[in-house]
Amino acid sequence: MAGIVTYMGPAGISFNKPQPFEYTYEYFKKMVINFEKNITIEDSETFAEDLYFLREDSNHRIIQPNKKKIIGMV
């Protein structure tokens, strides 16, 4: 093993603009900050996929309930 660590995840702006997502930050913290192993990733209760940055009122996200059940393991 080369010991190389890679990261593919939310950009830094995802944590603060325009509204932070607790779910995203908690998993980021577990994997990147605390280096936890064998994490079970469960789906969030809500999500946003709106193009808030293209709207004139870009200071909020349009939050929707998450109906999918996606579970992964890292």
C-alpha atoms as a PDB file:
ATOM      1  CA  MET A   1       0.000   0.000   0.000  1.00  0.00           C
ATOM      2  CA  ALA A   2       1.268   3.432  -0.933  1.00  0.00           C
ATOM      3  CA  GLY A   3      -0.482   5.161   1.963  1.00  0.00           C
ATOM      4  CA  ILE A   4      -2.080   7.720  -0.336  1.00  0.00           C
ATOM      5  CA  VAL A   5      -5.236   9.353   0.956  1.00  0.00           C
ATOM      6  CA  THR A   6      -7.719  10.813  -1.503  1.00  0.00           C
ATOM      7  CA  TYR A   7     -10.839  12.848  -0.950  1.00  0.00           C
ATOM      8  CA  MET A   8     -13.971  13.120  -3.055  1.00  0.00           C
ATOM      9  CA  GLY A   9     -16.793  14.849  -1.316  1.00  0.00           C
ATOM     10  CA  PRO A  10     -18.456  18.158  -0.629  1.00  0.00           C
ATOM     11  CA  ALA A  11     -16.588  21.362  -1.324  1.00  0.00           C
ATOM     12  CA  GLY A  12     -15.878  23.643   1.627  1.00  0.00           C
ATOM     13  CA  ILE A  13     -18.646  25.978   0.540  1.00  0.00           C
ATOM     14  CA  SER A  14     -21.163  23.150   1.094  1.00  0.00           C
ATOM     15  CA  PHE A  15     -20.883  23.609   4.836  1.00  0.00           C
ATOM     16  CA  ASN A  16     -21.922  27.224   5.009  1.00  0.00           C
ATOM     17  CA  LYS A  17     -23.586  28.565   1.913  1.00  0.00           C
ATOM     18  CA  PRO A  18     -26.384  29.417   1.989  1.00  0.00           C
ATOM     19  CA  GLN A  19     -27.448  26.964   4.729  1.00  0.00           C
ATOM     20  CA  PRO A  20     -25.212  24.369   6.340  1.00  0.00           C
ATOM     21  CA  PHE A  21     -26.255  20.717   6.243  1.00  0.00           C
ATOM     22  CA  GLU A  22     -25.627  18.955   9.546  1.00  0.00           C
ATOM     23  CA  TYR A  23     -25.794  15.548   7.823  1.00  0.00           C
ATOM     24  CA  THR A  24     -23.034  16.402   5.339  1.00  0.00           C
ATOM     25  CA  TYR A  25     -20.758  17.862   7.996  1.00  0.00           C
ATOM     26  CA  GLU A  26     -21.199  14.941  10.413  1.00  0.00           C
ATOM     27  CA  TYR A  27     -20.070  12.363   7.838  1.00  0.00           C
ATOM     28  CA  PHE A  28     -17.261  14.644   6.646  1.00  0.00           C
ATOM     29  CA  LYS A  29     -16.076  14.955  10.244  1.00  0.00           C
ATOM     30  CA  LYS A  30     -16.207  11.197  10.840  1.00  0.00           C
ATOM     31  CA  MET A  31     -14.171  10.374   7.746  1.00  0.00           C
ATOM     32  CA  VAL A  32     -11.810  13.308   7.226  1.00  0.00           C
ATOM     33  CA  ILE A  33     -11.287  14.831  10.672  1.00  0.00           C
ATOM     34  CA  ASN A  34     -11.680  11.852  13.042  1.00  0.00           C
ATOM     35  CA  PHE A  35     -10.440   9.170  10.570  1.00  0.00           C
ATOM     36  CA  GLU A  36     -13.156   6.747  11.719  1.00  0.00           C
ATOM     37  CA  LYS A  37     -13.162   3.344  10.032  1.00  0.00           C
ATOM     38  CA  ASN A  38     -16.065   1.117   8.949  1.00  0.00           C
ATOM     39  CA  ILE A  39     -18.650   3.882   8.870  1.00  0.00           C
ATOM     40  CA  THR A  40     -22.166   2.970   7.795  1.00  0.00           C
ATOM     41  CA  ILE A  41     -23.568   5.799   5.717  1.00  0.00           C
ATOM     42  CA  GLU A  42     -27.318   6.111   5.945  1.00  0.00           C
ATOM     43  CA  ASP A  43     -29.567   8.323   3.868  1.00  0.00           C
ATOM     44  CA  SER A  44     -30.461  11.795   5.084  1.00  0.00           C
ATOM     45  CA  GLU A  45     -34.030  12.728   5.899  1.00  0.00           C
ATOM     46  CA  THR A  46     -33.889  15.776   3.614  1.00  0.00           C
ATOM     47  CA  PHE A  47     -31.937  17.004   0.599  1.00  0.00           C
ATOM     48  CA  ALA A  48     -31.629  19.975  -1.750  1.00  0.00           C
ATOM     49  CA  GLU A  49     -30.741  19.844  -5.416  1.00  0.00           C
ATOM     50  CA  ASP A  50     -31.868  23.307  -6.391  1.00  0.00           C
ATOM     51  CA  LEU A  51     -29.687  25.747  -8.303  1.00  0.00           C
ATOM     52  CA  TYR A  52     -29.879  28.322  -5.508  1.00  0.00           C
ATOM     53  CA  PHE A  53     -26.886  30.239  -6.874  1.00  0.00           C
ATOM     54  CA  LEU A  54     -28.810  31.060 -10.065  1.00  0.00           C
ATOM     55  CA  ARG A  55     -31.827  32.528  -8.250  1.00  0.00           C
ATOM     56  CA  GLU A  56     -32.169  36.159  -7.220  1.00  0.00           C
ATOM     57  CA  ASP A  57     -33.106  35.035  -3.697  1.00  0.00           C
ATOM     58  CA  SER A  58     -30.025  32.823  -3.316  1.00  0.00           C
ATOM     59  CA  ASN A  59     -29.948  33.037   0.489  1.00  0.00           C
ATOM     60  CA  HIS A  60     -31.838  29.776   1.095  1.00  0.00           C
ATOM     61  CA  ARG A  61     -32.157  26.248  -0.226  1.00  0.00           C
ATOM     62  CA  ILE A  62     -35.334  24.460  -1.243  1.00  0.00           C
ATOM     63  CA  ILE A  63     -35.334  21.495   1.130  1.00  0.00           C
ATOM     64  CA  GLN A  64     -37.200  18.337   0.137  1.00  0.00           C
ATOM     65  CA  PRO A  65     -37.949  15.130   2.039  1.00  0.00           C
ATOM     66  CA  ASN A  66     -35.754  12.208   1.026  1.00  0.00           C
ATOM     67  CA  LYS A  67     -37.818   9.199  -0.012  1.00  0.00           C
ATOM     68  CA  LYS A  68     -34.932   7.020  -1.162  1.00  0.00           C
ATOM     69  CA  LYS A  69     -33.227   4.531   1.084  1.00  0.00           C
ATOM     70  CA  ILE A  70     -29.577   4.456   0.079  1.00  0.00           C
ATOM     71  CA  ILE A  71     -27.122   2.938   2.493  1.00  0.00           C
ATOM     72  CA  GLY A  72     -23.407   2.611   1.884  1.00  0.00           C
ATOM     73  CA  MET A  73     -20.379   1.553   3.853  1.00  0.00           C
ATOM     74  CA  VAL A  74     -16.993   3.182   3.869  1.00  0.00           C
END
